[in-house]
């Protein structure tokens, strides 16, 4: 899916949560969690800034293979942190009268899958949503079930099939996750502005 497609799919998911009464936000949300989101947003911006500074410093001092390994690992960490932030966000804004998550035990895919079930998504839409939120990739990273080599990362999907991502494809995944973050933070700010609060 394209970055724009991911953006629209994320908007649809959040709007459906809202229209189905699964999305719930109150004035305490930004009081308790806004700094968490601001901090991550600042780290995201710093990540790209620092990466641009580092790249010229190591150019010619390490092999191409070492450079590829470094770039892939950095992008994996950045992407994994974004996906974990999505889990945190969804657990915070889910209507607690509809769904109760154990913050210490709830898994990323479980959170998204449970929300899909609560919104009566059919199986095809549920799987598409799980794919959009990169559940397989996130699980592989957090369970260290992946390998890096030949300028690509390989992991197993939920069908136990090998998925191979090149450096360019991994960069595209990061762009997709960044688009999701922008949609999620924008949607949260819009909803909270209705309560007279915002991210500023």
N, C-alpha and C. Protein backbone atom coordinates (compact mmCIF):
# COMPACT_ATOMS: atom_id res chain seq x y z
N UNK A 1 0.85 -1.20 0.00
CA UNK A 1 0.00 0.00 0.00
C UNK A 1 0.88 1.24 0.00
N UNK A 2 0.43 2.28 -0.67
CA UNK A 2 1.18 3.53 -0.71
C UNK A 2 1.08 4.28 0.62
N UNK A 3 1.94 5.26 0.79
CA UNK A 3 1.90 6.08 2.00
C UNK A 3 0.54 6.77 2.11
N UNK A 4 0.03 7.28 1.00
CA UNK A 4 -1.27 7.94 1.01
C UNK A 4 -2.38 6.94 1.34
N UNK A 5 -2.25 5.72 0.84
CA UNK A 5 -3.22 4.68 1.15
C UNK A 5 -3.22 4.34 2.63
N UNK A 6 -2.03 4.26 3.23
CA UNK A 6 -1.91 4.00 4.66
C UNK A 6 -2.53 5.14 5.46
N UNK A 7 -2.30 6.36 4.99
CA UNK A 7 -2.86 7.52 5.67
C UNK A 7 -4.40 7.47 5.69
N UNK A 8 -4.98 7.15 4.54
CA UNK A 8 -6.44 7.08 4.45
C UNK A 8 -7.00 5.92 5.27
N UNK A 9 -6.29 4.78 5.25
CA UNK A 9 -6.74 3.62 6.02
C UNK A 9 -6.71 3.90 7.52
N UNK A 10 -5.69 4.63 7.96
CA UNK A 10 -5.59 4.98 9.38
C UNK A 10 -6.70 5.94 9.78
N UNK A 11 -6.98 6.90 8.91
CA UNK A 11 -8.08 7.84 9.17
C UNK A 11 -9.40 7.09 9.29
N UNK A 12 -9.61 6.13 8.38
CA UNK A 12 -10.85 5.36 8.39
C UNK A 12 -10.96 4.56 9.68
N UNK A 13 -9.87 3.93 10.10
CA UNK A 13 -9.86 3.13 11.32
C UNK A 13 -10.24 3.98 12.54
N UNK A 14 -9.64 5.15 12.68
CA UNK A 14 -9.91 6.04 13.81
C UNK A 14 -11.33 6.60 13.75
N UNK A 15 -11.77 6.98 12.55
CA UNK A 15 -13.13 7.50 12.41
C UNK A 15 -14.17 6.44 12.73
N UNK A 16 -13.87 5.18 12.37
CA UNK A 16 -14.78 4.09 12.71
C UNK A 16 -14.79 3.86 14.21
N UNK A 17 -13.64 3.90 14.84
CA UNK A 17 -13.59 3.79 16.30
C UNK A 17 -14.48 4.85 16.95
N UNK A 18 -14.38 6.06 16.43
CA UNK A 18 -15.14 7.18 16.98
C UNK A 18 -16.64 6.99 16.75
N UNK A 19 -17.02 6.66 15.52
CA UNK A 19 -18.45 6.52 15.20
C UNK A 19 -19.09 5.33 15.89
N UNK A 20 -18.28 4.29 16.19
CA UNK A 20 -18.80 3.10 16.86
C UNK A 20 -18.76 3.21 18.38
N UNK A 21 -18.28 4.34 18.87
CA UNK A 21 -18.22 4.55 20.31
C UNK A 21 -17.08 3.81 20.99
N UNK A 22 -16.10 3.36 20.20
CA UNK A 22 -14.95 2.65 20.77
C UNK A 22 -13.84 3.64 21.16
N UNK A 23 -13.80 4.78 20.47
CA UNK A 23 -12.81 5.82 20.77
C UNK A 23 -13.36 6.72 21.87
N UNK A 24 -12.57 6.92 22.89
CA UNK A 24 -13.00 7.78 23.99
C UNK A 24 -11.81 8.59 24.47
N UNK A 25 -11.98 9.88 24.53
CA UNK A 25 -10.90 10.74 25.02
C UNK A 25 -11.51 11.75 25.98
N UNK A 26 -10.77 12.03 27.03
CA UNK A 26 -11.24 13.01 27.99
C UNK A 26 -10.14 14.00 28.30
N UNK A 27 -10.46 14.98 29.11
CA UNK A 27 -9.51 16.06 29.35
C UNK A 27 -8.24 15.59 30.05
N UNK A 28 -8.32 14.45 30.74
CA UNK A 28 -7.14 13.95 31.44
C UNK A 28 -6.11 13.36 30.48
N UNK A 29 -6.56 13.01 29.27
CA UNK A 29 -5.66 12.34 28.33
C UNK A 29 -4.41 13.17 28.06
N UNK A 30 -4.60 14.42 27.65
CA UNK A 30 -3.44 15.25 27.31
C UNK A 30 -2.69 15.70 28.56
N UNK A 31 -3.40 15.83 29.65
CA UNK A 31 -2.73 16.20 30.89
C UNK A 31 -1.74 15.12 31.31
N UNK A 32 -2.12 13.85 31.10
CA UNK A 32 -1.30 12.73 31.55
C UNK A 32 -0.34 12.21 30.49
N UNK A 33 -0.71 12.36 29.19
CA UNK A 33 0.06 11.68 28.15
C UNK A 33 0.61 12.56 27.04
N UNK A 34 0.24 13.83 27.01
CA UNK A 34 0.67 14.67 25.90
C UNK A 34 2.20 14.79 25.84
N UNK A 35 2.85 14.85 27.00
CA UNK A 35 4.31 14.97 27.00
C UNK A 35 4.97 13.75 26.40
N UNK A 36 4.34 12.60 26.57
CA UNK A 36 4.85 11.36 25.99
C UNK A 36 4.88 11.47 24.47
N UNK A 37 3.81 11.98 23.90
CA UNK A 37 3.72 12.13 22.45
C UNK A 37 4.67 13.21 21.94
N UNK A 38 4.74 14.32 22.67
CA UNK A 38 5.65 15.40 22.27
C UNK A 38 7.10 14.92 22.29
N UNK A 39 7.43 14.16 23.33
CA UNK A 39 8.80 13.66 23.46
C UNK A 39 9.14 12.74 22.29
N UNK A 40 8.20 11.86 21.94
CA UNK A 40 8.49 10.95 20.83
C UNK A 40 8.61 11.72 19.53
N UNK A 41 7.75 12.71 19.33
CA UNK A 41 7.80 13.51 18.11
C UNK A 41 9.15 14.22 18.00
N UNK A 42 9.65 14.73 19.12
CA UNK A 42 10.95 15.39 19.12
C UNK A 42 12.06 14.39 18.81
N UNK A 43 11.95 13.18 19.36
CA UNK A 43 12.96 12.15 19.10
C UNK A 43 12.94 11.73 17.64
N UNK A 44 11.75 11.70 17.05
CA UNK A 44 11.63 11.34 15.64
C UNK A 44 12.35 12.36 14.77
N UNK A 45 12.15 13.64 15.09
CA UNK A 45 12.81 14.69 14.32
C UNK A 45 14.33 14.64 14.52
N UNK A 46 14.75 14.37 15.75
CA UNK A 46 16.18 14.28 16.05
C UNK A 46 16.81 13.10 15.32
N UNK A 47 16.06 12.01 15.23
CA UNK A 47 16.56 10.80 14.56
C UNK A 47 16.99 11.11 13.13
N UNK A 48 16.13 11.79 12.38
CA UNK A 48 16.45 12.10 10.99
C UNK A 48 17.60 13.12 10.90
N UNK A 49 17.61 14.07 11.83
CA UNK A 49 18.65 15.09 11.82
C UNK A 49 20.02 14.48 12.11
N UNK A 50 20.08 13.64 13.15
CA UNK A 50 21.35 13.02 13.54
C UNK A 50 21.83 12.04 12.47
N UNK A 51 20.88 11.31 11.87
CA UNK A 51 21.25 10.34 10.84
C UNK A 51 21.94 11.02 9.66
N UNK A 52 21.44 12.21 9.31
CA UNK A 52 22.06 12.95 8.20
C UNK A 52 23.48 13.39 8.56
N UNK A 53 23.72 13.65 9.84
CA UNK A 53 25.05 14.08 10.28
C UNK A 53 26.01 12.90 10.37
N UNK A 54 25.49 11.76 10.78
CA UNK A 54 26.34 10.59 10.97
C UNK A 54 26.82 10.02 9.65
N UNK A 55 25.92 9.96 8.67
CA UNK A 55 26.22 9.30 7.40
C UNK A 55 27.52 9.79 6.76
N UNK A 56 27.77 11.11 6.64
CA UNK A 56 29.04 11.55 6.03
C UNK A 56 30.26 11.19 6.88
N UNK A 57 30.09 11.09 8.21
CA UNK A 57 31.21 10.81 9.09
C UNK A 57 31.73 9.38 8.93
N UNK A 58 30.83 8.45 8.60
CA UNK A 58 31.24 7.05 8.49
C UNK A 58 31.51 6.65 7.04
N UNK A 59 31.21 7.54 6.12
CA UNK A 59 31.41 7.23 4.70
C UNK A 59 32.89 6.97 4.42
N UNK A 60 33.18 5.80 3.87
CA UNK A 60 34.55 5.44 3.54
C UNK A 60 35.32 4.81 4.68
N UNK A 61 34.76 4.84 5.89
CA UNK A 61 35.45 4.29 7.06
C UNK A 61 34.95 2.90 7.43
N UNK A 62 33.84 2.50 6.86
CA UNK A 62 33.31 1.16 7.09
C UNK A 62 32.94 0.56 5.74
N UNK A 63 32.79 -0.75 5.69
CA UNK A 63 32.44 -1.40 4.43
C UNK A 63 30.98 -1.11 4.08
N UNK A 64 30.63 -1.33 2.84
CA UNK A 64 29.24 -1.15 2.42
C UNK A 64 28.32 -2.07 3.21
N UNK A 65 28.79 -3.28 3.46
CA UNK A 65 27.97 -4.24 4.21
C UNK A 65 27.74 -3.76 5.64
N UNK A 66 28.79 -3.23 6.27
CA UNK A 66 28.65 -2.70 7.62
C UNK A 66 27.71 -1.49 7.63
N UNK A 67 27.82 -0.65 6.60
CA UNK A 67 26.94 0.51 6.50
C UNK A 67 25.50 0.10 6.32
N UNK A 68 25.26 -0.92 5.50
CA UNK A 68 23.91 -1.42 5.29
C UNK A 68 23.33 -1.99 6.57
N UNK A 69 24.14 -2.75 7.32
CA UNK A 69 23.70 -3.32 8.59
C UNK A 69 23.32 -2.22 9.57
N UNK A 70 24.16 -1.17 9.63
CA UNK A 70 23.90 -0.05 10.53
C UNK A 70 22.59 0.65 10.17
N UNK A 71 22.41 0.95 8.90
CA UNK A 71 21.21 1.66 8.46
C UNK A 71 19.95 0.84 8.72
N UNK A 72 20.01 -0.45 8.43
CA UNK A 72 18.83 -1.31 8.63
C UNK A 72 18.48 -1.39 10.11
N UNK A 73 19.48 -1.58 10.96
CA UNK A 73 19.20 -1.71 12.40
C UNK A 73 18.63 -0.42 12.96
N UNK A 74 19.17 0.72 12.53
CA UNK A 74 18.66 2.00 13.01
C UNK A 74 17.19 2.18 12.58
N UNK A 75 16.88 1.85 11.33
CA UNK A 75 15.51 2.00 10.85
C UNK A 75 14.56 1.04 11.55
N UNK A 76 15.04 -0.16 11.86
CA UNK A 76 14.22 -1.13 12.59
C UNK A 76 13.87 -0.58 13.97
N UNK A 77 14.85 -0.05 14.67
CA UNK A 77 14.60 0.49 16.01
C UNK A 77 13.63 1.66 15.95
N UNK A 78 13.81 2.53 14.97
CA UNK A 78 12.92 3.68 14.83
C UNK A 78 11.49 3.23 14.54
N UNK A 79 11.34 2.27 13.63
CA UNK A 79 10.03 1.77 13.27
C UNK A 79 9.37 1.05 14.44
N UNK A 80 10.14 0.23 15.14
CA UNK A 80 9.59 -0.52 16.28
C UNK A 80 9.09 0.43 17.36
N UNK A 81 9.79 1.53 17.59
CA UNK A 81 9.35 2.48 18.62
C UNK A 81 8.06 3.18 18.21
N UNK A 82 7.89 3.44 16.91
CA UNK A 82 6.64 4.03 16.43
C UNK A 82 5.47 3.09 16.63
N UNK A 83 5.67 1.81 16.31
CA UNK A 83 4.59 0.84 16.46
C UNK A 83 4.21 0.67 17.93
N UNK A 84 5.19 0.72 18.80
CA UNK A 84 4.90 0.61 20.23
C UNK A 84 4.11 1.83 20.71
N UNK A 85 4.41 2.98 20.13
CA UNK A 85 3.66 4.19 20.46
C UNK A 85 2.21 4.06 20.03
N UNK A 86 1.95 3.43 18.88
CA UNK A 86 0.58 3.23 18.41
C UNK A 86 -0.19 2.36 19.40
N UNK A 87 0.45 1.32 19.90
CA UNK A 87 -0.18 0.45 20.90
C UNK A 87 -0.55 1.26 22.14
N UNK A 88 0.39 2.05 22.61
CA UNK A 88 0.16 2.88 23.79
C UNK A 88 -1.03 3.81 23.56
N UNK A 89 -1.05 4.46 22.41
CA UNK A 89 -2.13 5.40 22.09
C UNK A 89 -3.48 4.70 22.08
N UNK A 90 -3.58 3.57 21.37
CA UNK A 90 -4.86 2.88 21.24
C UNK A 90 -5.38 2.38 22.58
N UNK A 91 -4.47 1.94 23.46
CA UNK A 91 -4.91 1.49 24.78
C UNK A 91 -5.44 2.65 25.61
N UNK A 92 -4.86 3.83 25.41
CA UNK A 92 -5.27 5.00 26.18
C UNK A 92 -6.65 5.50 25.73
N UNK A 93 -6.90 5.51 24.42
CA UNK A 93 -8.13 6.15 23.92
C UNK A 93 -9.28 5.17 23.73
N UNK A 94 -9.08 3.89 24.00
CA UNK A 94 -10.18 2.93 23.85
C UNK A 94 -11.18 3.10 24.99
N UNK A 95 -12.45 3.11 24.65
CA UNK A 95 -13.54 3.23 25.62
C UNK A 95 -13.43 2.08 26.63
N UNK A 96 -13.14 2.43 27.88
CA UNK A 96 -12.92 1.40 28.90
C UNK A 96 -14.19 0.65 29.27
N UNK A 97 -15.36 1.21 28.93
CA UNK A 97 -16.61 0.49 29.16
C UNK A 97 -16.84 -0.58 28.10
N UNK A 98 -16.14 -0.46 26.98
CA UNK A 98 -16.29 -1.43 25.89
C UNK A 98 -15.18 -2.48 25.90
N UNK A 99 -13.95 -2.02 26.12
CA UNK A 99 -12.79 -2.92 26.10
C UNK A 99 -11.85 -2.55 27.24
N UNK A 100 -11.43 -3.54 27.97
CA UNK A 100 -10.45 -3.33 29.04
C UNK A 100 -9.19 -4.11 28.71
N UNK A 101 -8.06 -3.38 28.59
CA UNK A 101 -6.77 -4.00 28.33
C UNK A 101 -5.93 -4.01 29.59
N UNK A 102 -5.19 -5.08 29.76
CA UNK A 102 -4.20 -5.12 30.84
C UNK A 102 -2.93 -4.50 30.29
N UNK A 103 -2.54 -3.32 30.78
CA UNK A 103 -1.39 -2.61 30.19
C UNK A 103 -0.08 -3.39 30.28
N UNK A 104 0.00 -4.33 31.23
CA UNK A 104 1.23 -5.09 31.40
C UNK A 104 1.27 -6.35 30.53
N UNK A 105 0.12 -6.78 30.04
CA UNK A 105 0.05 -8.05 29.31
C UNK A 105 -0.46 -7.93 27.88
N UNK A 106 -1.18 -6.86 27.58
CA UNK A 106 -1.76 -6.73 26.24
C UNK A 106 -0.67 -6.65 25.18
N UNK A 107 -0.82 -7.44 24.14
CA UNK A 107 0.15 -7.44 23.04
C UNK A 107 -0.35 -6.55 21.92
N UNK A 108 0.57 -6.08 21.11
CA UNK A 108 0.26 -5.14 20.03
C UNK A 108 -0.86 -5.66 19.12
N UNK A 109 -0.68 -6.85 18.58
CA UNK A 109 -1.67 -7.42 17.70
C UNK A 109 -3.00 -7.67 18.39
N UNK A 110 -2.93 -8.04 19.67
CA UNK A 110 -4.15 -8.29 20.44
C UNK A 110 -4.97 -7.01 20.59
N UNK A 111 -4.29 -5.89 20.84
CA UNK A 111 -4.98 -4.61 21.01
C UNK A 111 -5.72 -4.25 19.72
N UNK A 112 -5.03 -4.30 18.60
CA UNK A 112 -5.64 -3.93 17.32
C UNK A 112 -6.72 -4.92 16.92
N UNK A 113 -6.45 -6.23 17.10
CA UNK A 113 -7.42 -7.25 16.75
C UNK A 113 -8.70 -7.15 17.58
N UNK A 114 -8.55 -6.85 18.87
CA UNK A 114 -9.71 -6.72 19.75
C UNK A 114 -10.57 -5.52 19.35
N UNK A 115 -9.93 -4.43 18.98
CA UNK A 115 -10.66 -3.24 18.53
C UNK A 115 -11.41 -3.56 17.23
N UNK A 116 -10.75 -4.26 16.32
CA UNK A 116 -11.40 -4.67 15.06
C UNK A 116 -12.64 -5.52 15.35
N UNK A 117 -12.52 -6.45 16.28
CA UNK A 117 -13.65 -7.32 16.63
C UNK A 117 -14.79 -6.51 17.23
N UNK A 118 -14.45 -5.56 18.08
CA UNK A 118 -15.47 -4.73 18.72
C UNK A 118 -16.22 -3.89 17.68
N UNK A 119 -15.54 -3.56 16.57
CA UNK A 119 -16.17 -2.77 15.50
C UNK A 119 -16.78 -3.66 14.42
N UNK A 120 -16.83 -4.97 14.70
CA UNK A 120 -17.45 -5.95 13.80
C UNK A 120 -16.81 -5.99 12.42
N UNK A 121 -15.49 -5.84 12.37
CA UNK A 121 -14.78 -5.98 11.11
C UNK A 121 -14.86 -7.43 10.63
N UNK A 122 -15.05 -7.61 9.33
CA UNK A 122 -14.99 -8.98 8.80
C UNK A 122 -13.53 -9.43 8.78
N UNK A 123 -13.30 -10.71 8.50
CA UNK A 123 -11.96 -11.27 8.60
C UNK A 123 -10.98 -10.60 7.63
N UNK A 124 -11.45 -10.31 6.43
CA UNK A 124 -10.57 -9.69 5.43
C UNK A 124 -10.13 -8.30 5.89
N UNK A 125 -11.09 -7.51 6.40
CA UNK A 125 -10.77 -6.15 6.86
C UNK A 125 -9.88 -6.19 8.09
N UNK A 126 -10.12 -7.17 8.97
CA UNK A 126 -9.29 -7.32 10.16
C UNK A 126 -7.83 -7.61 9.77
N UNK A 127 -7.64 -8.54 8.85
CA UNK A 127 -6.28 -8.89 8.43
C UNK A 127 -5.60 -7.72 7.73
N UNK A 128 -6.36 -6.98 6.92
CA UNK A 128 -5.80 -5.81 6.25
C UNK A 128 -5.36 -4.77 7.28
N UNK A 129 -6.18 -4.59 8.32
CA UNK A 129 -5.84 -3.63 9.37
C UNK A 129 -4.58 -4.06 10.12
N UNK A 130 -4.48 -5.35 10.44
CA UNK A 130 -3.29 -5.86 11.11
C UNK A 130 -2.05 -5.66 10.24
N UNK A 131 -2.22 -5.86 8.93
CA UNK A 131 -1.10 -5.64 8.01
C UNK A 131 -0.71 -4.17 7.96
N UNK A 132 -1.72 -3.29 7.92
CA UNK A 132 -1.45 -1.85 7.87
C UNK A 132 -0.67 -1.38 9.10
N UNK A 133 -1.01 -1.97 10.26
CA UNK A 133 -0.32 -1.62 11.50
C UNK A 133 0.96 -2.43 11.69
N UNK A 134 1.32 -3.22 10.68
CA UNK A 134 2.60 -3.95 10.64
C UNK A 134 2.78 -4.86 11.86
N UNK A 135 1.72 -5.58 12.22
CA UNK A 135 1.76 -6.43 13.41
C UNK A 135 2.81 -7.53 13.28
N UNK A 136 2.85 -8.19 12.13
CA UNK A 136 3.84 -9.26 11.93
C UNK A 136 5.26 -8.74 12.11
N UNK A 137 5.53 -7.60 11.51
CA UNK A 137 6.88 -7.02 11.59
C UNK A 137 7.21 -6.68 13.03
N UNK A 138 6.29 -6.05 13.71
CA UNK A 138 6.52 -5.65 15.11
C UNK A 138 6.80 -6.87 15.97
N UNK A 139 6.01 -7.94 15.80
CA UNK A 139 6.20 -9.14 16.60
C UNK A 139 7.56 -9.77 16.34
N UNK A 140 7.96 -9.80 15.08
CA UNK A 140 9.25 -10.38 14.72
C UNK A 140 10.39 -9.61 15.38
N UNK A 141 10.28 -8.28 15.38
CA UNK A 141 11.33 -7.46 15.96
C UNK A 141 11.40 -7.64 17.47
N UNK A 142 10.26 -7.59 18.12
CA UNK A 142 10.26 -7.67 19.59
C UNK A 142 10.57 -9.06 20.11
N UNK A 143 10.39 -10.08 19.28
CA UNK A 143 10.76 -11.43 19.67
C UNK A 143 12.11 -11.83 19.07
N UNK A 144 12.79 -10.85 18.48
CA UNK A 144 14.10 -11.07 17.88
C UNK A 144 14.08 -12.21 16.86
N UNK A 145 12.97 -12.29 16.14
CA UNK A 145 12.79 -13.36 15.15
C UNK A 145 13.00 -12.82 13.74
N UNK A 146 14.18 -12.27 13.52
CA UNK A 146 14.50 -11.71 12.20
C UNK A 146 16.01 -11.82 11.97
N UNK A 147 16.40 -11.67 10.73
CA UNK A 147 17.82 -11.69 10.41
C UNK A 147 18.13 -10.57 9.42
N UNK A 148 19.38 -10.12 9.45
CA UNK A 148 19.83 -9.04 8.57
C UNK A 148 21.02 -9.54 7.76
N UNK A 149 20.98 -9.31 6.47
CA UNK A 149 22.09 -9.70 5.61
C UNK A 149 21.82 -9.30 4.18
N UNK A 150 22.88 -9.05 3.42
CA UNK A 150 22.74 -8.67 2.01
C UNK A 150 21.85 -7.45 1.82
N UNK A 151 21.99 -6.49 2.75
CA UNK A 151 21.25 -5.21 2.66
C UNK A 151 19.73 -5.41 2.72
N UNK A 152 19.29 -6.39 3.51
CA UNK A 152 17.86 -6.63 3.67
C UNK A 152 17.59 -7.31 5.02
N UNK A 153 16.33 -7.21 5.45
CA UNK A 153 15.91 -7.87 6.69
C UNK A 153 14.87 -8.92 6.32
N UNK A 154 14.95 -10.09 6.96
CA UNK A 154 14.03 -11.19 6.70
C UNK A 154 13.34 -11.58 8.00
N UNK A 155 12.01 -11.77 7.94
CA UNK A 155 11.26 -12.22 9.12
C UNK A 155 10.11 -13.10 8.66
N UNK A 156 9.44 -13.75 9.62
CA UNK A 156 8.33 -14.65 9.32
C UNK A 156 7.00 -13.93 9.58
N UNK A 157 6.04 -14.08 8.65
CA UNK A 157 4.72 -13.50 8.87
C UNK A 157 3.83 -14.51 9.60
N UNK A 158 2.54 -14.16 9.79
CA UNK A 158 1.66 -15.03 10.57
C UNK A 158 1.34 -16.33 9.86
N UNK A 159 1.64 -16.43 8.58
CA UNK A 159 1.49 -17.69 7.84
C UNK A 159 2.80 -18.48 7.81
N UNK A 160 3.74 -18.03 8.64
CA UNK A 160 5.06 -18.67 8.71
C UNK A 160 5.79 -18.63 7.38
N UNK A 161 5.55 -17.57 6.63
CA UNK A 161 6.23 -17.38 5.35
C UNK A 161 7.30 -16.30 5.52
N UNK A 162 8.40 -16.49 4.83
CA UNK A 162 9.49 -15.52 4.93
C UNK A 162 9.13 -14.24 4.18
N UNK A 163 9.33 -13.10 4.84
CA UNK A 163 9.13 -11.79 4.24
C UNK A 163 10.48 -11.10 4.18
N UNK A 164 10.85 -10.63 3.01
CA UNK A 164 12.14 -9.97 2.83
C UNK A 164 11.92 -8.51 2.49
N UNK A 165 12.57 -7.63 3.24
CA UNK A 165 12.49 -6.19 2.99
C UNK A 165 13.88 -5.66 2.67
N UNK A 166 14.00 -5.00 1.54
CA UNK A 166 15.26 -4.36 1.19
C UNK A 166 15.38 -3.06 1.98
N UNK A 167 16.53 -2.43 1.88
CA UNK A 167 16.75 -1.16 2.56
C UNK A 167 15.72 -0.12 2.11
N UNK A 168 15.45 -0.07 0.81
CA UNK A 168 14.47 0.88 0.28
C UNK A 168 13.07 0.56 0.79
N UNK A 169 12.72 -0.72 0.85
CA UNK A 169 11.40 -1.11 1.33
C UNK A 169 11.24 -0.82 2.81
N UNK A 170 12.31 -1.01 3.57
CA UNK A 170 12.27 -0.70 5.00
C UNK A 170 12.10 0.81 5.21
N UNK A 171 12.75 1.58 4.37
CA UNK A 171 12.60 3.03 4.43
C UNK A 171 11.15 3.43 4.11
N UNK A 172 10.54 2.70 3.17
CA UNK A 172 9.14 2.95 2.84
C UNK A 172 8.23 2.62 4.01
N UNK A 173 8.54 1.53 4.73
CA UNK A 173 7.77 1.19 5.93
C UNK A 173 7.86 2.30 6.97
N UNK A 174 9.05 2.87 7.11
CA UNK A 174 9.21 3.98 8.06
C UNK A 174 8.38 5.18 7.63
N UNK A 175 8.32 5.42 6.32
CA UNK A 175 7.51 6.54 5.81
C UNK A 175 6.03 6.29 6.08
N UNK A 176 5.60 5.04 5.92
CA UNK A 176 4.21 4.68 6.19
C UNK A 176 3.87 4.87 7.67
N UNK A 177 4.78 4.42 8.54
CA UNK A 177 4.54 4.56 9.97
C UNK A 177 4.53 6.03 10.39
N UNK A 178 5.38 6.84 9.76
CA UNK A 178 5.40 8.27 10.05
C UNK A 178 4.08 8.91 9.64
N UNK A 179 3.53 8.49 8.50
CA UNK A 179 2.23 8.99 8.05
C UNK A 179 1.14 8.60 9.05
N UNK A 180 1.21 7.37 9.55
CA UNK A 180 0.24 6.91 10.55
C UNK A 180 0.34 7.75 11.82
N UNK A 181 1.57 8.02 12.24
CA UNK A 181 1.78 8.83 13.44
C UNK A 181 1.16 10.22 13.26
N UNK A 182 1.35 10.81 12.09
CA UNK A 182 0.81 12.14 11.82
C UNK A 182 -0.71 12.12 11.85
N UNK A 183 -1.32 11.07 11.28
CA UNK A 183 -2.77 10.96 11.29
C UNK A 183 -3.28 10.76 12.73
N UNK A 184 -2.64 9.87 13.46
CA UNK A 184 -3.06 9.56 14.83
C UNK A 184 -2.95 10.79 15.73
N UNK A 185 -1.82 11.48 15.67
CA UNK A 185 -1.65 12.66 16.52
C UNK A 185 -2.59 13.78 16.10
N UNK A 186 -2.81 13.92 14.78
CA UNK A 186 -3.74 14.95 14.30
C UNK A 186 -5.17 14.66 14.72
N UNK A 187 -5.55 13.39 14.64
CA UNK A 187 -6.91 13.00 15.03
C UNK A 187 -7.12 13.24 16.53
N UNK A 188 -6.12 12.86 17.33
CA UNK A 188 -6.22 13.05 18.77
C UNK A 188 -6.33 14.51 19.13
N UNK A 189 -5.54 15.34 18.44
CA UNK A 189 -5.59 16.77 18.72
C UNK A 189 -6.95 17.36 18.34
N UNK A 190 -7.48 16.91 17.21
CA UNK A 190 -8.79 17.40 16.78
C UNK A 190 -9.87 17.03 17.79
N UNK A 191 -9.84 15.76 18.24
CA UNK A 191 -10.85 15.32 19.20
C UNK A 191 -10.69 16.05 20.52
N UNK A 192 -9.46 16.25 20.95
CA UNK A 192 -9.25 16.89 22.23
C UNK A 192 -9.56 18.38 22.17
N UNK A 193 -9.43 18.98 20.97
CA UNK A 193 -9.76 20.41 20.84
C UNK A 193 -11.25 20.63 21.08
N UNK A 194 -12.03 19.60 20.85
CA UNK A 194 -13.46 19.67 21.13
C UNK A 194 -13.73 19.82 22.62
N UNK A 195 -12.70 19.41 23.42
CA UNK A 195 -12.81 19.54 24.87
C UNK A 195 -12.07 20.77 25.37
N UNK A 196 -11.57 21.57 24.40
CA UNK A 196 -10.89 22.80 24.76
C UNK A 196 -9.42 22.64 25.08
N UNK A 197 -8.84 21.47 24.66
CA UNK A 197 -7.42 21.25 24.90
C UNK A 197 -6.76 20.86 23.61
N UNK A 198 -5.46 21.06 23.52
CA UNK A 198 -4.73 20.70 22.33
C UNK A 198 -3.30 20.33 22.65
N UNK A 199 -2.52 20.15 21.63
CA UNK A 199 -1.13 19.75 21.83
C UNK A 199 -0.21 20.92 22.15
N UNK A 200 -0.70 22.14 21.94
CA UNK A 200 0.18 23.29 22.21
C UNK A 200 0.28 23.54 23.70
